[in-house]
Amino acid sequence: MKQTKIISVIAVICGCIAVSSTNAATIPAGTTLTASSVSQFSSRAAVGKTFEAKLAQDVSINGRVVLKAGNKVFGKVASSRYHSRRNDPLTVELISVSVNGRNVAVKTNRFQPGSPPVTGRQARYGHTAGTLLVNPGTLMQFQLLQPVTL
């Protein structure tokens, strides 16, 4: 009797693993993720500040959609002009994608949204004018640097 129960439990576990592995997908490195910002941030945001965006396009692997447009993605500011003595351009990168209610870590390249206006004198000395605002709805394109298994 105990042996039958143990075999039944093992069969159920194996079935669950088989079902979850058929739903798993790996998105290869180099895949482009196009995201639309949800929150506003600027070129004066602190490095490490996070922001929310949504996928603007489906991501398909071998004709099968693995990430749907509208899925939440989260990113962070990689460089900015937060410190007044630095003139780093605003760059952002994605850090996770929301899949079925859980966040999956991703590693992407850095994206530089827009650029603030530059005068001739500022360009000569490596300075820029004004603060760049990234408004909700701004499209950003990222490329995966590492494969992601969902």
N, C-alpha and C. Protein backbone atom coordinates (compact mmCIF):
# COMPACT_ATOMS: atom_id res chain seq x y z
N MET A 1 0.82 -1.19 0.00
CA MET A 1 0.00 0.00 0.00
C MET A 1 0.87 1.26 0.00
N LYS A 2 1.89 1.30 0.88
CA LYS A 2 2.78 2.46 0.93
C LYS A 2 3.53 2.62 -0.38
N GLN A 3 3.94 1.51 -0.96
CA GLN A 3 4.69 1.55 -2.20
C GLN A 3 3.83 2.15 -3.33
N THR A 4 2.56 1.83 -3.37
CA THR A 4 1.65 2.37 -4.38
C THR A 4 1.51 3.88 -4.22
N LYS A 5 1.41 4.36 -2.98
CA LYS A 5 1.29 5.79 -2.73
C LYS A 5 2.57 6.52 -3.16
N ILE A 6 3.70 5.95 -2.85
CA ILE A 6 4.98 6.56 -3.23
C ILE A 6 5.09 6.64 -4.74
N ILE A 7 4.72 5.58 -5.43
CA ILE A 7 4.78 5.57 -6.89
C ILE A 7 3.82 6.61 -7.46
N SER A 8 2.65 6.75 -6.86
CA SER A 8 1.67 7.74 -7.32
C SER A 8 2.21 9.16 -7.15
N VAL A 9 2.82 9.43 -6.00
CA VAL A 9 3.39 10.76 -5.75
C VAL A 9 4.50 11.05 -6.74
N ILE A 10 5.36 10.10 -6.99
CA ILE A 10 6.46 10.28 -7.94
C ILE A 10 5.90 10.53 -9.34
N ALA A 11 4.86 9.83 -9.73
CA ALA A 11 4.25 10.02 -11.05
C ALA A 11 3.67 11.42 -11.18
N VAL A 12 3.01 11.91 -10.12
CA VAL A 12 2.44 13.26 -10.15
C VAL A 12 3.55 14.31 -10.27
N ILE A 13 4.61 14.14 -9.51
CA ILE A 13 5.74 15.08 -9.56
C ILE A 13 6.35 15.09 -10.96
N CYS A 14 6.57 13.93 -11.53
CA CYS A 14 7.14 13.85 -12.88
C CYS A 14 6.22 14.51 -13.91
N GLY A 15 4.92 14.34 -13.73
CA GLY A 15 3.96 14.97 -14.63
C GLY A 15 4.02 16.48 -14.54
N CYS A 16 4.14 16.99 -13.33
CA CYS A 16 4.24 18.45 -13.14
C CYS A 16 5.51 18.99 -13.77
N ILE A 17 6.60 18.30 -13.60
CA ILE A 17 7.87 18.73 -14.19
C ILE A 17 7.78 18.70 -15.71
N ALA A 18 7.16 17.69 -16.27
CA ALA A 18 7.02 17.59 -17.72
C ALA A 18 6.17 18.73 -18.27
N VAL A 19 5.09 19.07 -17.59
CA VAL A 19 4.23 20.16 -18.04
C VAL A 19 4.96 21.48 -17.95
N SER A 20 5.68 21.73 -16.85
CA SER A 20 6.39 23.00 -16.71
C SER A 20 7.51 23.12 -17.72
N SER A 21 8.16 22.03 -18.07
CA SER A 21 9.26 22.12 -19.03
C SER A 21 8.75 22.34 -20.45
N THR A 22 7.53 21.91 -20.77
CA THR A 22 7.00 22.17 -22.10
C THR A 22 6.60 23.63 -22.25
N ASN A 23 6.28 24.30 -21.14
CA ASN A 23 5.94 25.72 -21.19
C ASN A 23 7.18 26.60 -21.13
N ALA A 24 8.33 26.04 -20.77
CA ALA A 24 9.56 26.81 -20.66
C ALA A 24 10.06 27.19 -22.05
N ALA A 25 10.67 28.35 -22.12
CA ALA A 25 11.24 28.81 -23.37
C ALA A 25 12.50 29.59 -23.05
N THR A 26 13.45 29.53 -23.96
CA THR A 26 14.68 30.31 -23.79
C THR A 26 14.73 31.35 -24.89
N ILE A 27 14.86 32.60 -24.48
CA ILE A 27 15.00 33.70 -25.43
C ILE A 27 16.50 33.91 -25.63
N PRO A 28 16.98 33.78 -26.86
CA PRO A 28 18.43 33.86 -27.08
C PRO A 28 19.00 35.26 -26.91
N ALA A 29 20.28 35.31 -26.59
CA ALA A 29 21.00 36.58 -26.52
C ALA A 29 20.90 37.25 -27.89
N GLY A 30 20.84 38.56 -27.89
CA GLY A 30 20.73 39.30 -29.15
C GLY A 30 19.29 39.64 -29.51
N THR A 31 18.33 39.04 -28.83
CA THR A 31 16.92 39.33 -29.11
C THR A 31 16.62 40.77 -28.69
N THR A 32 15.88 41.48 -29.51
CA THR A 32 15.51 42.87 -29.22
C THR A 32 14.22 42.91 -28.42
N LEU A 33 14.23 43.69 -27.34
CA LEU A 33 13.04 43.95 -26.54
C LEU A 33 12.73 45.43 -26.71
N THR A 34 11.56 45.74 -27.25
CA THR A 34 11.13 47.13 -27.40
C THR A 34 10.16 47.44 -26.28
N ALA A 35 10.49 48.46 -25.49
CA ALA A 35 9.68 48.80 -24.32
C ALA A 35 9.20 50.25 -24.43
N SER A 36 8.05 50.48 -23.84
CA SER A 36 7.46 51.82 -23.78
C SER A 36 7.42 52.23 -22.31
N SER A 37 8.05 53.37 -21.99
CA SER A 37 8.13 53.79 -20.59
C SER A 37 6.73 54.06 -20.03
N VAL A 38 6.55 53.71 -18.77
CA VAL A 38 5.30 53.94 -18.06
C VAL A 38 5.47 55.13 -17.12
N SER A 39 6.63 55.19 -16.48
CA SER A 39 6.90 56.27 -15.53
C SER A 39 7.84 57.29 -16.17
N GLN A 40 7.79 58.51 -15.66
CA GLN A 40 8.66 59.57 -16.16
C GLN A 40 9.94 59.61 -15.33
N PHE A 41 11.06 59.84 -16.01
CA PHE A 41 12.33 60.04 -15.32
C PHE A 41 13.16 60.98 -16.17
N SER A 42 14.25 61.49 -15.61
CA SER A 42 15.03 62.50 -16.32
C SER A 42 16.52 62.15 -16.30
N SER A 43 17.27 62.96 -17.04
CA SER A 43 18.72 62.78 -17.09
C SER A 43 19.38 63.16 -15.77
N ARG A 44 18.63 63.69 -14.84
CA ARG A 44 19.15 64.03 -13.51
C ARG A 44 18.76 62.99 -12.46
N ALA A 45 18.20 61.87 -12.90
CA ALA A 45 17.83 60.79 -11.98
C ALA A 45 19.09 60.14 -11.42
N ALA A 46 19.02 59.70 -10.19
CA ALA A 46 20.17 59.03 -9.55
C ALA A 46 20.46 57.71 -10.23
N VAL A 47 21.73 57.39 -10.37
CA VAL A 47 22.12 56.09 -10.92
C VAL A 47 21.55 55.00 -10.02
N GLY A 48 20.94 54.00 -10.62
CA GLY A 48 20.32 52.92 -9.86
C GLY A 48 18.83 53.09 -9.68
N LYS A 49 18.30 54.30 -9.96
CA LYS A 49 16.86 54.53 -9.84
C LYS A 49 16.14 53.60 -10.82
N THR A 50 15.08 52.98 -10.36
CA THR A 50 14.35 52.06 -11.21
C THR A 50 13.17 52.75 -11.88
N PHE A 51 12.75 52.19 -12.99
CA PHE A 51 11.59 52.69 -13.71
C PHE A 51 10.80 51.51 -14.26
N GLU A 52 9.54 51.76 -14.57
CA GLU A 52 8.67 50.72 -15.12
C GLU A 52 8.38 51.03 -16.58
N ALA A 53 8.28 49.98 -17.36
CA ALA A 53 7.91 50.11 -18.77
C ALA A 53 7.07 48.88 -19.14
N LYS A 54 6.56 48.88 -20.36
CA LYS A 54 5.80 47.73 -20.86
C LYS A 54 6.36 47.35 -22.22
N LEU A 55 6.33 46.06 -22.52
CA LEU A 55 6.77 45.63 -23.84
C LEU A 55 5.85 46.23 -24.89
N ALA A 56 6.43 46.81 -25.91
CA ALA A 56 5.65 47.44 -26.97
C ALA A 56 5.32 46.44 -28.08
N GLN A 57 6.06 45.34 -28.14
CA GLN A 57 5.85 44.33 -29.18
C GLN A 57 5.98 42.94 -28.58
N ASP A 58 5.28 41.99 -29.19
CA ASP A 58 5.43 40.59 -28.79
C ASP A 58 6.86 40.14 -29.06
N VAL A 59 7.33 39.19 -28.26
CA VAL A 59 8.63 38.55 -28.50
C VAL A 59 8.33 37.10 -28.87
N SER A 60 8.75 36.70 -30.07
CA SER A 60 8.46 35.35 -30.57
C SER A 60 9.75 34.57 -30.78
N ILE A 61 9.68 33.29 -30.46
CA ILE A 61 10.79 32.37 -30.70
C ILE A 61 10.23 31.22 -31.52
N ASN A 62 10.79 31.00 -32.70
CA ASN A 62 10.34 29.94 -33.61
C ASN A 62 8.84 30.02 -33.86
N GLY A 63 8.33 31.24 -34.05
CA GLY A 63 6.91 31.43 -34.36
C GLY A 63 5.97 31.36 -33.17
N ARG A 64 6.51 31.14 -31.98
CA ARG A 64 5.69 31.05 -30.77
C ARG A 64 5.92 32.28 -29.90
N VAL A 65 4.84 32.97 -29.54
CA VAL A 65 4.94 34.16 -28.71
C VAL A 65 5.28 33.73 -27.28
N VAL A 66 6.43 34.19 -26.78
CA VAL A 66 6.86 33.84 -25.42
C VAL A 66 6.68 35.01 -24.45
N LEU A 67 6.67 36.22 -24.97
CA LEU A 67 6.38 37.42 -24.17
C LEU A 67 5.41 38.28 -24.97
N LYS A 68 4.30 38.61 -24.35
CA LYS A 68 3.28 39.40 -25.04
C LYS A 68 3.50 40.89 -24.83
N ALA A 69 3.13 41.67 -25.84
CA ALA A 69 3.15 43.12 -25.71
C ALA A 69 2.27 43.49 -24.52
N GLY A 70 2.73 44.42 -23.73
CA GLY A 70 1.99 44.83 -22.54
C GLY A 70 2.56 44.25 -21.26
N ASN A 71 3.39 43.18 -21.37
CA ASN A 71 4.05 42.64 -20.16
C ASN A 71 4.89 43.73 -19.53
N LYS A 72 4.89 43.77 -18.20
CA LYS A 72 5.71 44.76 -17.50
C LYS A 72 7.18 44.38 -17.59
N VAL A 73 8.00 45.40 -17.73
CA VAL A 73 9.45 45.24 -17.63
C VAL A 73 9.95 46.34 -16.69
N PHE A 74 11.06 46.08 -16.05
CA PHE A 74 11.61 47.05 -15.12
C PHE A 74 13.05 47.31 -15.51
N GLY A 75 13.44 48.56 -15.38
CA GLY A 75 14.79 48.95 -15.73
C GLY A 75 15.39 49.82 -14.65
N LYS A 76 16.64 50.21 -14.89
CA LYS A 76 17.31 51.12 -13.96
C LYS A 76 18.17 52.09 -14.74
N VAL A 77 18.43 53.22 -14.10
CA VAL A 77 19.31 54.24 -14.68
C VAL A 77 20.74 53.75 -14.50
N ALA A 78 21.48 53.62 -15.60
CA ALA A 78 22.86 53.14 -15.55
C ALA A 78 23.86 54.30 -15.44
N SER A 79 23.54 55.43 -16.07
CA SER A 79 24.36 56.63 -15.94
C SER A 79 23.46 57.84 -16.13
N SER A 80 23.86 58.95 -15.51
CA SER A 80 23.03 60.16 -15.59
C SER A 80 23.87 61.38 -15.23
N ARG A 81 23.21 62.52 -15.24
CA ARG A 81 23.84 63.78 -14.85
C ARG A 81 23.41 64.15 -13.44
N TYR A 82 23.18 63.16 -12.60
CA TYR A 82 22.72 63.39 -11.23
C TYR A 82 23.68 64.30 -10.45
N HIS A 83 24.97 64.04 -10.60
CA HIS A 83 25.97 64.89 -9.94
C HIS A 83 26.32 66.03 -10.90
N SER A 84 26.24 67.26 -10.41
CA SER A 84 26.42 68.43 -11.27
C SER A 84 27.81 68.50 -11.90
N ARG A 85 28.79 67.86 -11.33
CA ARG A 85 30.16 67.92 -11.88
C ARG A 85 30.42 66.86 -12.94
N ARG A 86 29.45 66.00 -13.17
CA ARG A 86 29.61 64.95 -14.18
C ARG A 86 28.68 65.22 -15.34
N ASN A 87 29.11 64.90 -16.51
CA ASN A 87 28.29 65.12 -17.71
C ASN A 87 27.98 63.82 -18.43
N ASP A 88 27.79 62.75 -17.67
CA ASP A 88 27.46 61.48 -18.30
C ASP A 88 26.09 61.58 -18.96
N PRO A 89 25.95 60.98 -20.13
CA PRO A 89 24.63 60.98 -20.76
C PRO A 89 23.70 60.03 -19.99
N LEU A 90 22.40 60.23 -20.14
CA LEU A 90 21.43 59.33 -19.53
C LEU A 90 21.44 58.02 -20.29
N THR A 91 21.73 56.92 -19.59
CA THR A 91 21.59 55.59 -20.18
C THR A 91 20.80 54.73 -19.21
N VAL A 92 20.01 53.83 -19.78
CA VAL A 92 19.17 52.94 -18.98
C VAL A 92 19.34 51.51 -19.48
N GLU A 93 19.02 50.56 -18.63
CA GLU A 93 19.07 49.15 -19.01
C GLU A 93 17.93 48.43 -18.33
N LEU A 94 17.49 47.32 -18.93
CA LEU A 94 16.43 46.52 -18.32
C LEU A 94 17.05 45.56 -17.31
N ILE A 95 16.30 45.31 -16.22
CA ILE A 95 16.80 44.39 -15.19
C ILE A 95 15.87 43.20 -14.97
N SER A 96 14.58 43.33 -15.36
CA SER A 96 13.69 42.18 -15.22
C SER A 96 12.47 42.32 -16.11
N VAL A 97 11.85 41.17 -16.38
CA VAL A 97 10.62 41.07 -17.16
C VAL A 97 9.62 40.31 -16.31
N SER A 98 8.38 40.79 -16.28
CA SER A 98 7.34 40.11 -15.52
C SER A 98 6.70 39.04 -16.39
N VAL A 99 6.75 37.79 -15.90
CA VAL A 99 6.18 36.66 -16.63
C VAL A 99 5.29 35.87 -15.68
N ASN A 100 4.01 35.82 -15.97
CA ASN A 100 3.04 35.10 -15.14
C ASN A 100 3.14 35.49 -13.67
N GLY A 101 3.28 36.78 -13.41
CA GLY A 101 3.30 37.26 -12.04
C GLY A 101 4.63 37.18 -11.31
N ARG A 102 5.67 36.71 -11.99
CA ARG A 102 6.99 36.66 -11.34
C ARG A 102 7.99 37.42 -12.21
N ASN A 103 8.95 38.03 -11.55
CA ASN A 103 9.97 38.79 -12.27
C ASN A 103 11.15 37.90 -12.61
N VAL A 104 11.53 37.92 -13.88
CA VAL A 104 12.65 37.13 -14.37
C VAL A 104 13.78 38.11 -14.70
N ALA A 105 14.94 37.90 -14.10
CA ALA A 105 16.08 38.79 -14.32
C ALA A 105 16.55 38.72 -15.78
N VAL A 106 16.91 39.88 -16.31
CA VAL A 106 17.47 39.95 -17.66
C VAL A 106 18.70 40.85 -17.63
N LYS A 107 19.57 40.65 -18.59
CA LYS A 107 20.77 41.48 -18.75
C LYS A 107 20.73 42.03 -20.17
N THR A 108 20.62 43.36 -20.29
CA THR A 108 20.54 43.98 -21.61
C THR A 108 21.66 45.01 -21.79
N ASN A 109 21.78 45.46 -23.03
CA ASN A 109 22.69 46.56 -23.31
C ASN A 109 22.10 47.84 -22.73
N ARG A 110 22.88 48.89 -22.74
CA ARG A 110 22.40 50.20 -22.28
C ARG A 110 21.79 50.94 -23.46
N PHE A 111 20.72 51.67 -23.18
CA PHE A 111 20.04 52.45 -24.19
C PHE A 111 20.11 53.91 -23.78
N GLN A 112 20.36 54.79 -24.75
CA GLN A 112 20.44 56.22 -24.46
C GLN A 112 19.22 56.91 -25.10
N PRO A 113 18.20 57.21 -24.27
CA PRO A 113 17.01 57.85 -24.84
C PRO A 113 17.25 59.31 -25.18
N GLY A 114 16.96 59.69 -26.42
CA GLY A 114 17.05 61.08 -26.85
C GLY A 114 18.36 61.73 -26.48
N SER A 115 18.43 63.00 -26.63
CA SER A 115 19.59 63.75 -26.15
C SER A 115 19.16 65.20 -25.96
N PRO A 116 19.64 65.83 -24.88
CA PRO A 116 19.28 67.22 -24.63
C PRO A 116 19.94 68.13 -25.66
N PRO A 117 19.43 69.34 -25.84
CA PRO A 117 20.03 70.27 -26.80
C PRO A 117 21.45 70.65 -26.40
N VAL A 118 22.29 70.88 -27.41
CA VAL A 118 23.69 71.24 -27.18
C VAL A 118 24.00 72.48 -28.01
N THR A 119 24.61 73.47 -27.40
CA THR A 119 25.07 74.65 -28.15
C THR A 119 26.49 74.38 -28.63
N GLY A 120 26.99 75.20 -29.55
CA GLY A 120 28.34 75.02 -30.06
C GLY A 120 29.39 75.07 -28.97
N ARG A 121 29.27 76.04 -28.09
CA ARG A 121 30.25 76.19 -27.00
C ARG A 121 30.19 74.98 -26.05
N GLN A 122 28.96 74.53 -25.74
CA GLN A 122 28.82 73.39 -24.83
C GLN A 122 29.41 72.13 -25.45
N ALA A 123 29.21 71.95 -26.75
CA ALA A 123 29.77 70.79 -27.42
C ALA A 123 31.30 70.82 -27.36
N ARG A 124 31.88 72.00 -27.53
CA ARG A 124 33.34 72.15 -27.50
C ARG A 124 33.92 71.75 -26.14
N TYR A 125 33.17 72.05 -25.06
CA TYR A 125 33.66 71.75 -23.72
C TYR A 125 33.02 70.50 -23.11
N GLY A 126 32.24 69.78 -23.88
CA GLY A 126 31.66 68.53 -23.40
C GLY A 126 30.48 68.70 -22.47
N HIS A 127 29.75 69.80 -22.58
CA HIS A 127 28.59 70.04 -21.74
C HIS A 127 27.32 69.99 -22.58
N THR A 128 26.20 69.74 -21.93
CA THR A 128 24.91 69.76 -22.61
C THR A 128 24.01 70.76 -21.91
N ALA A 129 23.01 71.21 -22.63
CA ALA A 129 22.06 72.18 -22.07
C ALA A 129 20.82 71.46 -21.60
N GLY A 130 20.30 71.89 -20.48
CA GLY A 130 19.00 71.41 -20.03
C GLY A 130 19.00 70.00 -19.50
N THR A 131 17.80 69.59 -19.14
CA THR A 131 17.57 68.26 -18.60
C THR A 131 16.69 67.50 -19.56
N LEU A 132 17.08 66.29 -19.87
CA LEU A 132 16.29 65.43 -20.75
C LEU A 132 15.21 64.75 -19.93
N LEU A 133 13.96 64.86 -20.36
CA LEU A 133 12.85 64.15 -19.72
C LEU A 133 12.44 62.98 -20.58
N VAL A 134 12.31 61.84 -19.96
CA VAL A 134 11.78 60.66 -20.64
C VAL A 134 10.34 60.52 -20.16
N ASN A 135 9.41 60.83 -21.04
CA ASN A 135 8.00 60.83 -20.69
C ASN A 135 7.38 59.46 -20.90
N PRO A 136 6.25 59.19 -20.23
CA PRO A 136 5.53 57.94 -20.47
C PRO A 136 5.23 57.79 -21.96
N GLY A 137 5.41 56.58 -22.46
CA GLY A 137 5.17 56.31 -23.88
C GLY A 137 6.41 56.37 -24.74
N THR A 138 7.55 56.78 -24.16
CA THR A 138 8.80 56.83 -24.93
C THR A 138 9.25 55.41 -25.25
N LEU A 139 9.51 55.15 -26.53
CA LEU A 139 9.97 53.82 -26.95
C LEU A 139 11.48 53.68 -26.76
N MET A 140 11.88 52.53 -26.24
CA MET A 140 13.30 52.23 -26.01
C MET A 140 13.57 50.82 -26.51
N GLN A 141 14.70 50.62 -27.17
CA GLN A 141 15.06 49.29 -27.67
C GLN A 141 16.29 48.77 -26.94
N PHE A 142 16.16 47.54 -26.45
CA PHE A 142 17.23 46.88 -25.73
C PHE A 142 17.53 45.55 -26.40
N GLN A 143 18.77 45.11 -26.30
CA GLN A 143 19.14 43.79 -26.80
C GLN A 143 19.61 42.96 -25.62
N LEU A 144 19.14 41.72 -25.57
CA LEU A 144 19.57 40.81 -24.51
C LEU A 144 21.04 40.48 -24.69
N LEU A 145 21.80 40.58 -23.60
CA LEU A 145 23.22 40.23 -23.65
C LEU A 145 23.43 38.76 -23.27
N GLN A 146 22.43 38.19 -22.58
CA GLN A 146 22.49 36.79 -22.16
C GLN A 146 21.13 36.14 -22.45
N PRO A 147 21.13 34.84 -22.73
CA PRO A 147 19.83 34.18 -22.95
C PRO A 147 19.00 34.22 -21.66
N VAL A 148 17.68 34.19 -21.83
CA VAL A 148 16.75 34.22 -20.68
C VAL A 148 15.85 33.01 -20.79
N THR A 149 15.79 32.21 -19.73
CA THR A 149 14.88 31.07 -19.70
C THR A 149 13.67 31.45 -18.87
N LEU A 150 12.51 31.30 -19.50
CA LEU A 150 11.26 31.66 -18.83
C LEU A 150 10.62 30.44 -18.21
